[in-house]
Amino acid sequence: MDVTDKIALVTGSGRGIGRGITLALARHGADVVVSDVNVDDAEGVQAEVTAMGRRSTAIHVDVTDRASVDGMVESAISQYGRIDILVNNAGIIGAPGWQDREETNEEDWDLLYAVNVKGVAAVTDAVAPHMKKERYGKVINIASVAGRQGNYDNPPYGISKAGVISFTQAYAVLLAPFSINVNAICPGLLWTPMWEKISFRRSSLPENSEGLSPRELFDRTVQERIPLKREQTPEDVGNLAAFLASDASRNITGQSINVDGGSRMN
């Protein structure tokens, strides 16, 4: 999984899965542009990367704002000269206040599509011309196992991640003539800030008659849904991202690979 001296751009990399991917890429030799809507978080991860002896830059980005996306890419190119690896990780689970609503609303639908689908497209479209010029690139989109199955709890989230899987297949064909690989990772159950909010929400529902804590609910979900009976981690996702970013994956494209302990088998 050698990505020594490759230049990576990871969106939504200030925490959770994005941070795990960023550190994995740096550990395997990449210099990483850390971009996030929360620049303080991005700067924290940047410091971790530089402490590992790799170059890094923290950049604010709002993937729903094309000017912000273009500015991020222009800044990365001006500093590093190219982008070899793009990881589209920025994503949300709902509009502000989603955890306090019993049902999703129109704002959830609109913002989930804007961030999780259009955001992936906007960043990829901004980076792709630079990869085409080099006739080389690795694009890795972070989808979800929720994109492979019906989800009664949050339909628009699962549908948006299904869109990422479809986007991955379409762009794999579109960019293949330029030797650009496009793949997706579908994480399962990870104890990240996002899942912590989901579990906190579920802990307050009437179905939680046992009075389990958010973490206890998460652990029970892991035991019920995952054949390997263990949660996944950002490091697990990062390890796969590092492989897909390396030349060892040169003949893998258009694939969406689960990191879920066997909860979904394709």
C-alpha atoms as a PDB file:
ATOM      1  CA  MET A   1       0.000   0.000   0.000  1.00  0.00           C
ATOM      2  CA  ASP A   2       2.798   2.364  -0.977  1.00  0.00           C
ATOM      3  CA  VAL A   3       1.661   5.916  -1.756  1.00  0.00           C
ATOM      4  CA  THR A   4       5.007   7.548  -1.040  1.00  0.00           C
ATOM      5  CA  ASP A   5       5.195  11.153  -2.234  1.00  0.00           C
ATOM      6  CA  LYS A   6       1.699  11.054  -3.698  1.00  0.00           C
ATOM      7  CA  ILE A   7      -0.459  14.139  -3.146  1.00  0.00           C
ATOM      8  CA  ALA A   8      -3.849  13.398  -1.588  1.00  0.00           C
ATOM      9  CA  LEU A   9      -6.865  15.622  -1.042  1.00  0.00           C
ATOM     10  CA  VAL A  10      -9.385  14.369   1.518  1.00  0.00           C
ATOM     11  CA  THR A  11     -12.656  16.227   2.089  1.00  0.00           C
ATOM     12  CA  GLY A  12     -14.428  16.103   5.434  1.00  0.00           C
ATOM     13  CA  SER A  13     -11.156  15.014   6.989  1.00  0.00           C
ATOM     14  CA  GLY A  14     -11.281  16.911  10.272  1.00  0.00           C
ATOM     15  CA  ARG A  15     -12.716  14.024  12.283  1.00  0.00           C
ATOM     16  CA  GLY A  16     -14.114  10.497  12.176  1.00  0.00           C
ATOM     17  CA  ILE A  17     -13.638   8.454   9.015  1.00  0.00           C
ATOM     18  CA  GLY A  18     -11.984  11.333   7.168  1.00  0.00           C
ATOM     19  CA  ARG A  19      -9.329  11.680   9.847  1.00  0.00           C
ATOM     20  CA  GLY A  20      -8.729   7.909   9.797  1.00  0.00           C
ATOM     21  CA  ILE A  21      -8.242   7.971   6.027  1.00  0.00           C
ATOM     22  CA  THR A  22      -5.940  10.976   6.187  1.00  0.00           C
ATOM     23  CA  LEU A  23      -3.684   9.397   8.794  1.00  0.00           C
ATOM     24  CA  ALA A  24      -3.584   6.088   6.924  1.00  0.00           C
ATOM     25  CA  LEU A  25      -2.517   7.812   3.712  1.00  0.00           C
ATOM     26  CA  ALA A  26       0.165   9.773   5.567  1.00  0.00           C
ATOM     27  CA  ARG A  27       1.349   6.631   7.316  1.00  0.00           C
ATOM     28  CA  HIS A  28       1.860   5.018   3.911  1.00  0.00           C
ATOM     29  CA  GLY A  29       3.819   7.985   2.579  1.00  0.00           C
ATOM     30  CA  ALA A  30       1.377  10.522   1.112  1.00  0.00           C
ATOM     31  CA  ASP A  31       1.296  14.269   1.626  1.00  0.00           C
ATOM     32  CA  VAL A  32      -2.277  15.249   2.449  1.00  0.00           C
ATOM     33  CA  VAL A  33      -4.444  18.312   1.940  1.00  0.00           C
ATOM     34  CA  VAL A  34      -6.877  18.224   4.861  1.00  0.00           C
ATOM     35  CA  SER A  35     -10.131  19.968   3.970  1.00  0.00           C
ATOM     36  CA  ASP A  36     -13.206  20.415   6.102  1.00  0.00           C
ATOM     37  CA  VAL A  37     -16.067  22.835   6.690  1.00  0.00           C
ATOM     38  CA  ASN A  38     -14.646  23.167  10.216  1.00  0.00           C
ATOM     39  CA  VAL A  39     -11.153  24.518   9.663  1.00  0.00           C
ATOM     40  CA  ASP A  40     -10.194  24.120  13.341  1.00  0.00           C
ATOM     41  CA  ASP A  41     -10.725  20.366  13.052  1.00  0.00           C
ATOM     42  CA  ALA A  42      -8.765  20.329   9.786  1.00  0.00           C
ATOM     43  CA  GLU A  43      -5.850  22.140  11.389  1.00  0.00           C
ATOM     44  CA  GLY A  44      -5.768  19.577  14.194  1.00  0.00           C
ATOM     45  CA  VAL A  45      -5.452  16.720  11.714  1.00  0.00           C
ATOM     46  CA  GLN A  46      -2.907  18.690   9.700  1.00  0.00           C
ATOM     47  CA  ALA A  47      -0.734  18.867  12.801  1.00  0.00           C
ATOM     48  CA  GLU A  48      -0.991  15.092  13.199  1.00  0.00           C
ATOM     49  CA  VAL A  49       0.127  14.560   9.603  1.00  0.00           C
ATOM     50  CA  THR A  50       3.106  16.892   9.870  1.00  0.00           C
ATOM     51  CA  ALA A  51       4.105  15.151  13.111  1.00  0.00           C
ATOM     52  CA  MET A  52       4.387  11.989  10.999  1.00  0.00           C
ATOM     53  CA  GLY A  53       6.931  13.719   8.759  1.00  0.00           C
ATOM     54  CA  ARG A  54       4.621  14.362   5.809  1.00  0.00           C
ATOM     55  CA  ARG A  55       3.632  17.669   4.248  1.00  0.00           C
ATOM     56  CA  SER A  56       0.080  18.833   4.928  1.00  0.00           C
ATOM     57  CA  THR A  57      -2.193  21.829   4.466  1.00  0.00           C
ATOM     58  CA  ALA A  58      -5.524  22.591   6.121  1.00  0.00           C
ATOM     59  CA  ILE A  59      -8.156  24.223   3.918  1.00  0.00           C
ATOM     60  CA  HIS A  60     -11.730  25.268   4.639  1.00  0.00           C
ATOM     61  CA  VAL A  61     -14.251  23.940   2.116  1.00  0.00           C
ATOM     62  CA  ASP A  62     -18.007  23.881   1.736  1.00  0.00           C
ATOM     63  CA  VAL A  63     -18.688  21.215  -0.887  1.00  0.00           C
ATOM     64  CA  THR A  64     -22.117  22.733  -1.634  1.00  0.00           C
ATOM     65  CA  ASP A  65     -20.417  25.961  -2.798  1.00  0.00           C
ATOM     66  CA  ARG A  66     -18.691  25.600  -6.148  1.00  0.00           C
ATOM     67  CA  ALA A  67     -16.548  28.688  -5.565  1.00  0.00           C
ATOM     68  CA  SER A  68     -15.329  27.179  -2.294  1.00  0.00           C
ATOM     69  CA  VAL A  69     -14.573  23.869  -4.025  1.00  0.00           C
ATOM     70  CA  ASP A  70     -12.688  25.568  -6.867  1.00  0.00           C
ATOM     71  CA  GLY A  71     -10.712  27.640  -4.371  1.00  0.00           C
ATOM     72  CA  MET A  72      -9.719  24.512  -2.438  1.00  0.00           C
ATOM     73  CA  VAL A  73      -8.507  22.729  -5.579  1.00  0.00           C
ATOM     74  CA  GLU A  74      -6.661  25.793  -6.891  1.00  0.00           C
ATOM     75  CA  SER A  75      -4.923  26.201  -3.531  1.00  0.00           C
ATOM     76  CA  ALA A  76      -3.882  22.535  -3.481  1.00  0.00           C
ATOM     77  CA  ILE A  77      -2.546  22.679  -7.035  1.00  0.00           C
ATOM     78  CA  SER A  78      -0.656  25.927  -6.398  1.00  0.00           C
ATOM     79  CA  GLN A  79       1.072  24.410  -3.353  1.00  0.00           C
ATOM     80  CA  TYR A  80       1.729  20.866  -4.551  1.00  0.00           C
ATOM     81  CA  GLY A  81       1.511  21.024  -8.335  1.00  0.00           C
ATOM     82  CA  ARG A  82      -0.873  18.110  -8.724  1.00  0.00           C
ATOM     83  CA  ILE A  83      -3.459  15.919  -6.995  1.00  0.00           C
ATOM     84  CA  ASP A  84      -2.856  12.188  -7.316  1.00  0.00           C
ATOM     85  CA  ILE A  85      -5.497  10.954  -4.870  1.00  0.00           C
ATOM     86  CA  LEU A  86      -8.949  12.375  -4.163  1.00  0.00           C
ATOM     87  CA  VAL A  87     -11.054  11.043  -1.311  1.00  0.00           C
ATOM     88  CA  ASN A  88     -14.618  12.358  -1.316  1.00  0.00           C
ATOM     89  CA  ASN A  89     -15.476  11.816   2.329  1.00  0.00           C
ATOM     90  CA  ALA A  90     -17.473  14.935   3.227  1.00  0.00           C
ATOM     91  CA  GLY A  91     -21.000  13.867   4.112  1.00  0.00           C
ATOM     92  CA  ILE A  92     -23.887  14.457   6.475  1.00  0.00           C
ATOM     93  CA  ILE A  93     -26.753  12.403   7.859  1.00  0.00           C
ATOM     94  CA  GLY A  94     -29.372  15.149   7.864  1.00  0.00           C
ATOM     95  CA  ALA A  95     -30.064  18.869   8.048  1.00  0.00           C
ATOM     96  CA  PRO A  96     -29.447  20.676  11.356  1.00  0.00           C
ATOM     97  CA  GLY A  97     -31.765  19.323  14.034  1.00  0.00           C
ATOM     98  CA  TRP A  98     -32.286  15.958  12.326  1.00  0.00           C
ATOM     99  CA  GLN A  99     -31.717  14.095  15.586  1.00  0.00           C
ATOM    100  CA  ASP A 100     -34.680  15.877  17.199  1.00  0.00           C
ATOM    101  CA  ARG A 101     -37.190  15.024  14.468  1.00  0.00           C
ATOM    102  CA  GLU A 102     -39.292  11.875  14.361  1.00  0.00           C
ATOM    103  CA  GLU A 103     -39.372  11.954  10.569  1.00  0.00           C
ATOM    104  CA  THR A 104     -37.109  13.397   7.897  1.00  0.00           C
ATOM    105  CA  ASN A 105     -38.304  16.547   6.174  1.00  0.00           C
ATOM    106  CA  GLU A 106     -37.736  18.388   2.906  1.00  0.00           C
ATOM    107  CA  GLU A 107     -34.707  20.205   4.286  1.00  0.00           C
ATOM    108  CA  ASP A 108     -33.085  16.845   5.015  1.00  0.00           C
ATOM    109  CA  TRP A 109     -33.715  15.682   1.456  1.00  0.00           C
ATOM    110  CA  ASP A 110     -32.324  18.878  -0.074  1.00  0.00           C
ATOM    111  CA  LEU A 111     -29.192  19.143   2.062  1.00  0.00           C
ATOM    112  CA  LEU A 112     -28.350  15.434   1.917  1.00  0.00           C
ATOM    113  CA  TYR A 113     -28.469  15.552  -1.872  1.00  0.00           C
ATOM    114  CA  ALA A 114     -26.485  18.804  -1.968  1.00  0.00           C
ATOM    115  CA  VAL A 115     -23.674  17.489   0.249  1.00  0.00           C
ATOM    116  CA  ASN A 116     -23.586  13.728  -0.262  1.00  0.00           C
ATOM    117  CA  VAL A 117     -24.218  13.590  -4.002  1.00  0.00           C
ATOM    118  CA  LYS A 118     -23.701  16.984  -5.638  1.00  0.00           C
ATOM    119  CA  GLY A 119     -20.758  17.668  -3.322  1.00  0.00           C
ATOM    120  CA  VAL A 120     -19.002  14.513  -4.513  1.00  0.00           C
ATOM    121  CA  ALA A 121     -19.675  15.508  -8.125  1.00  0.00           C
ATOM    122  CA  ALA A 122     -18.485  19.092  -7.622  1.00  0.00           C
ATOM    123  CA  VAL A 123     -15.176  18.110  -6.058  1.00  0.00           C
ATOM    124  CA  THR A 124     -14.542  15.336  -8.578  1.00  0.00           C
ATOM    125  CA  ASP A 125     -15.320  17.637 -11.508  1.00  0.00           C
ATOM    126  CA  ALA A 126     -12.921  20.246 -10.114  1.00  0.00           C
ATOM    127  CA  VAL A 127     -10.078  17.748  -9.613  1.00  0.00           C
ATOM    128  CA  ALA A 128     -10.581  15.567 -12.710  1.00  0.00           C
ATOM    129  CA  PRO A 129      -9.072  17.989 -15.274  1.00  0.00           C
ATOM    130  CA  HIS A 130      -5.806  18.010 -13.321  1.00  0.00           C
ATOM    131  CA  MET A 131      -5.760  14.219 -13.149  1.00  0.00           C
ATOM    132  CA  LYS A 132      -6.564  13.980 -16.851  1.00  0.00           C
ATOM    133  CA  LYS A 133      -3.588  16.210 -17.605  1.00  0.00           C
ATOM    134  CA  GLU A 134      -1.329  13.800 -15.707  1.00  0.00           C
ATOM    135  CA  ARG A 135      -3.174  10.776 -17.116  1.00  0.00           C
ATOM    136  CA  TYR A 136      -3.198   9.370 -13.616  1.00  0.00           C
ATOM    137  CA  GLY A 137      -5.446   9.519 -10.583  1.00  0.00           C
ATOM    138  CA  LYS A 138      -7.248   7.670  -7.834  1.00  0.00           C
ATOM    139  CA  VAL A 139     -10.725   8.809  -6.819  1.00  0.00           C
ATOM    140  CA  ILE A 140     -12.215   7.185  -3.719  1.00  0.00           C
ATOM    141  CA  ASN A 141     -15.778   7.987  -2.698  1.00  0.00           C
ATOM    142  CA  ILE A 142     -17.084   7.222   0.765  1.00  0.00           C
ATOM    143  CA  ALA A 143     -20.553   5.721   0.445  1.00  0.00           C
ATOM    144  CA  SER A 144     -22.179   3.476   3.087  1.00  0.00           C
ATOM    145  CA  VAL A 145     -23.742   0.064   3.519  1.00  0.00           C
ATOM    146  CA  ALA A 146     -26.923   2.156   3.962  1.00  0.00           C
ATOM    147  CA  GLY A 147     -26.727   2.750   0.212  1.00  0.00           C
ATOM    148  CA  ARG A 148     -27.167  -0.993  -0.409  1.00  0.00           C
ATOM    149  CA  GLN A 149     -30.338  -1.593   1.598  1.00  0.00           C
ATOM    150  CA  GLY A 150     -33.648  -0.002   2.497  1.00  0.00           C
ATOM    151  CA  ASN A 151     -33.476   2.169   5.591  1.00  0.00           C
ATOM    152  CA  TYR A 152     -36.687   2.947   7.463  1.00  0.00           C
ATOM    153  CA  ASP A 153     -34.851   5.156   9.944  1.00  0.00           C
ATOM    154  CA  ASN A 154     -33.462   7.704   7.456  1.00  0.00           C
ATOM    155  CA  PRO A 155     -34.473   7.032   3.842  1.00  0.00           C
ATOM    156  CA  PRO A 156     -32.858  10.125   2.284  1.00  0.00           C
ATOM    157  CA  TYR A 157     -29.467   9.261   3.764  1.00  0.00           C
ATOM    158  CA  GLY A 158     -29.468   5.743   2.314  1.00  0.00           C
ATOM    159  CA  ILE A 159     -30.729   7.028  -1.011  1.00  0.00           C
ATOM    160  CA  SER A 160     -27.975   9.658  -1.147  1.00  0.00           C
ATOM    161  CA  LYS A 161     -25.340   6.989  -0.519  1.00  0.00           C
ATOM    162  CA  ALA A 162     -26.877   4.793  -3.228  1.00  0.00           C
ATOM    163  CA  GLY A 163     -26.341   7.818  -5.439  1.00  0.00           C
ATOM    164  CA  VAL A 164     -22.648   7.817  -4.510  1.00  0.00           C
ATOM    165  CA  ILE A 165     -22.386   4.160  -5.538  1.00  0.00           C
ATOM    166  CA  SER A 166     -24.032   4.916  -8.883  1.00  0.00           C
ATOM    167  CA  PHE A 167     -21.838   8.001  -9.336  1.00  0.00           C
ATOM    168  CA  THR A 168     -18.775   5.837  -8.749  1.00  0.00           C
ATOM    169  CA  GLN A 169     -19.763   3.450 -11.522  1.00  0.00           C
ATOM    170  CA  ALA A 170     -20.568   6.238 -13.987  1.00  0.00           C
ATOM    171  CA  TYR A 171     -17.338   8.133 -13.375  1.00  0.00           C
ATOM    172  CA  ALA A 172     -15.254   4.963 -13.471  1.00  0.00           C
ATOM    173  CA  VAL A 173     -16.326   4.596 -17.096  1.00  0.00           C
ATOM    174  CA  LEU A 174     -16.006   8.315 -17.818  1.00  0.00           C
ATOM    175  CA  LEU A 175     -12.468   8.645 -16.469  1.00  0.00           C
ATOM    176  CA  ALA A 176     -11.067   5.231 -17.440  1.00  0.00           C
ATOM    177  CA  PRO A 177      -9.581   6.514 -20.758  1.00  0.00           C
ATOM    178  CA  PHE A 178      -7.313   8.764 -18.675  1.00  0.00           C
ATOM    179  CA  SER A 179      -6.031   5.928 -16.439  1.00  0.00           C
ATOM    180  CA  ILE A 180      -8.029   7.269 -13.493  1.00  0.00           C
ATOM    181  CA  ASN A 181      -9.482   4.698 -11.112  1.00  0.00           C
ATOM    182  CA  VAL A 182     -12.749   5.502  -9.358  1.00  0.00           C
ATOM    183  CA  ASN A 183     -13.937   3.326  -6.479  1.00  0.00           C
ATOM    184  CA  ALA A 184     -16.117   3.610  -3.397  1.00  0.00           C
ATOM    185  CA  ILE A 185     -15.920   2.344   0.165  1.00  0.00           C
ATOM    186  CA  CYS A 186     -19.082   1.405   2.045  1.00  0.00           C
ATOM    187  CA  PRO A 187     -18.405   1.585   5.797  1.00  0.00           C
ATOM    188  CA  GLY A 188     -20.607  -0.287   8.250  1.00  0.00           C
ATOM    189  CA  LEU A 189     -20.929   0.528  11.960  1.00  0.00           C
ATOM    190  CA  LEU A 190     -18.301   2.877  13.364  1.00  0.00           C
ATOM    191  CA  TRP A 191     -18.411   4.749  16.665  1.00  0.00           C
ATOM    192  CA  THR A 192     -17.881   8.202  15.161  1.00  0.00           C
ATOM    193  CA  PRO A 193     -19.518  11.531  16.126  1.00  0.00           C
ATOM    194  CA  MET A 194     -22.241  10.736  13.572  1.00  0.00           C
ATOM    195  CA  TRP A 195     -23.090   7.326  15.049  1.00  0.00           C
ATOM    196  CA  GLU A 196     -22.891   8.756  18.546  1.00  0.00           C
ATOM    197  CA  LYS A 197     -25.712  11.155  17.613  1.00  0.00           C
ATOM    198  CA  ILE A 198     -27.717   8.332  16.033  1.00  0.00           C
ATOM    199  CA  SER A 199     -27.367   6.214  19.164  1.00  0.00           C
ATOM    200  CA  PHE A 200     -28.238   9.130  21.421  1.00  0.00           C
ATOM    201  CA  ARG A 201     -31.401   9.682  19.397  1.00  0.00           C
ATOM    202  CA  ARG A 202     -32.342   5.998  19.583  1.00  0.00           C
ATOM    203  CA  SER A 203     -31.702   5.872  23.328  1.00  0.00           C
ATOM    204  CA  SER A 204     -34.552   8.337  23.894  1.00  0.00           C
ATOM    205  CA  LEU A 205     -37.121   6.391  21.866  1.00  0.00           C
ATOM    206  CA  PRO A 206     -39.846   4.271  23.549  1.00  0.00           C
ATOM    207  CA  GLU A 207     -38.329   1.141  21.982  1.00  0.00           C
ATOM    208  CA  ASN A 208     -35.376   1.520  24.347  1.00  0.00           C
ATOM    209  CA  SER A 209     -37.361   0.039  27.209  1.00  0.00           C
ATOM    210  CA  GLU A 210     -34.195  -1.326  28.821  1.00  0.00           C
ATOM    211  CA  GLY A 211     -32.795   2.162  29.292  1.00  0.00           C
ATOM    212  CA  LEU A 212     -29.548   1.390  27.483  1.00  0.00           C
ATOM    213  CA  SER A 213     -26.989   4.144  27.032  1.00  0.00           C
ATOM    214  CA  PRO A 214     -26.141   5.331  23.497  1.00  0.00           C
ATOM    215  CA  ARG A 215     -22.913   3.320  23.539  1.00  0.00           C
ATOM    216  CA  GLU A 216     -24.706   0.228  24.840  1.00  0.00           C
ATOM    217  CA  LEU A 217     -27.266   0.534  22.055  1.00  0.00           C
ATOM    218  CA  PHE A 218     -24.477   0.798  19.510  1.00  0.00           C
ATOM    219  CA  ASP A 219     -22.733  -2.274  20.928  1.00  0.00           C
ATOM    220  CA  ARG A 220     -25.973  -4.256  20.796  1.00  0.00           C
ATOM    221  CA  THR A 221     -26.497  -3.222  17.184  1.00  0.00           C
ATOM    222  CA  VAL A 222     -23.009  -4.480  16.370  1.00  0.00           C
ATOM    223  CA  GLN A 223     -23.752  -7.846  17.989  1.00  0.00           C
ATOM    224  CA  GLU A 224     -27.103  -8.171  16.190  1.00  0.00           C
ATOM    225  CA  ARG A 225     -26.061  -7.098  12.708  1.00  0.00           C
ATOM    226  CA  ILE A 226     -22.408  -8.010  12.211  1.00  0.00           C
ATOM    227  CA  PRO A 227     -21.279 -11.624  11.746  1.00  0.00           C
ATOM    228  CA  LEU A 228     -17.748 -10.833  12.974  1.00  0.00           C
ATOM    229  CA  LYS A 229     -19.287  -9.315  16.127  1.00  0.00           C
ATOM    230  CA  ARG A 230     -16.990  -6.306  16.177  1.00  0.00           C
ATOM    231  CA  GLU A 231     -17.380  -2.682  15.216  1.00  0.00           C
ATOM    232  CA  GLN A 232     -15.490  -1.114  12.362  1.00  0.00           C
ATOM    233  CA  THR A 233     -13.048   1.763  12.846  1.00  0.00           C
ATOM    234  CA  PRO A 234     -11.844   4.756  10.842  1.00  0.00           C
ATOM    235  CA  GLU A 235      -8.507   2.945  10.629  1.00  0.00           C
ATOM    236  CA  ASP A 236     -10.205   0.000   8.890  1.00  0.00           C
ATOM    237  CA  VAL A 237     -11.618   2.344   6.260  1.00  0.00           C
ATOM    238  CA  GLY A 238      -8.296   4.163   6.013  1.00  0.00           C
ATOM    239  CA  ASN A 239      -6.418   0.943   5.300  1.00  0.00           C
ATOM    240  CA  LEU A 240      -8.702   0.121   2.387  1.00  0.00           C
ATOM    241  CA  ALA A 241      -8.462   3.698   1.121  1.00  0.00           C
ATOM    242  CA  ALA A 242      -4.661   3.436   1.179  1.00  0.00           C
ATOM    243  CA  PHE A 243      -4.852   0.239  -0.875  1.00  0.00           C
ATOM    244  CA  LEU A 244      -7.227   1.777  -3.415  1.00  0.00           C
ATOM    245  CA  ALA A 245      -4.964   4.835  -3.590  1.00  0.00           C
ATOM    246  CA  SER A 246      -1.907   2.697  -4.348  1.00  0.00           C
ATOM    247  CA  ASP A 247      -0.793   1.213  -7.643  1.00  0.00           C
ATOM    248  CA  ALA A 248      -1.612  -2.228  -6.250  1.00  0.00           C
ATOM    249  CA  SER A 249      -5.234  -1.426  -7.205  1.00  0.00           C
ATOM    250  CA  ARG A 250      -4.471  -0.362 -10.773  1.00  0.00           C
ATOM    251  CA  ASN A 251      -6.972  -2.808 -12.295  1.00  0.00           C
ATOM    252  CA  ILE A 252      -9.773  -2.138  -9.812  1.00  0.00           C
ATOM    253  CA  THR A 253     -12.304   0.497 -10.831  1.00  0.00           C
ATOM    254  CA  GLY A 254     -16.044   1.061 -10.563  1.00  0.00           C
ATOM    255  CA  GLN A 255     -16.236  -1.053  -7.408  1.00  0.00           C
ATOM    256  CA  SER A 256     -17.983  -0.312  -4.110  1.00  0.00           C
ATOM    257  CA  ILE A 257     -16.332  -2.323  -1.362  1.00  0.00           C
ATOM    258  CA  ASN A 258     -17.910  -2.956   2.026  1.00  0.00           C
ATOM    259  CA  VAL A 259     -15.963  -2.551   5.256  1.00  0.00           C
ATOM    260  CA  ASP A 260     -18.714  -3.864   7.513  1.00  0.00           C
ATOM    261  CA  GLY A 261     -17.702  -7.083   9.240  1.00  0.00           C
ATOM    262  CA  GLY A 262     -19.957  -9.064   6.923  1.00  0.00           C
ATOM    263  CA  SER A 263     -23.257  -7.277   7.585  1.00  0.00           C
ATOM    264  CA  ARG A 264     -23.842  -6.936   3.832  1.00  0.00           C
ATOM    265  CA  MET A 265     -22.485  -9.550   1.442  1.00  0.00           C
ATOM    266  CA  ASN A 266     -22.491  -8.843  -2.291  1.00  0.00           C
END
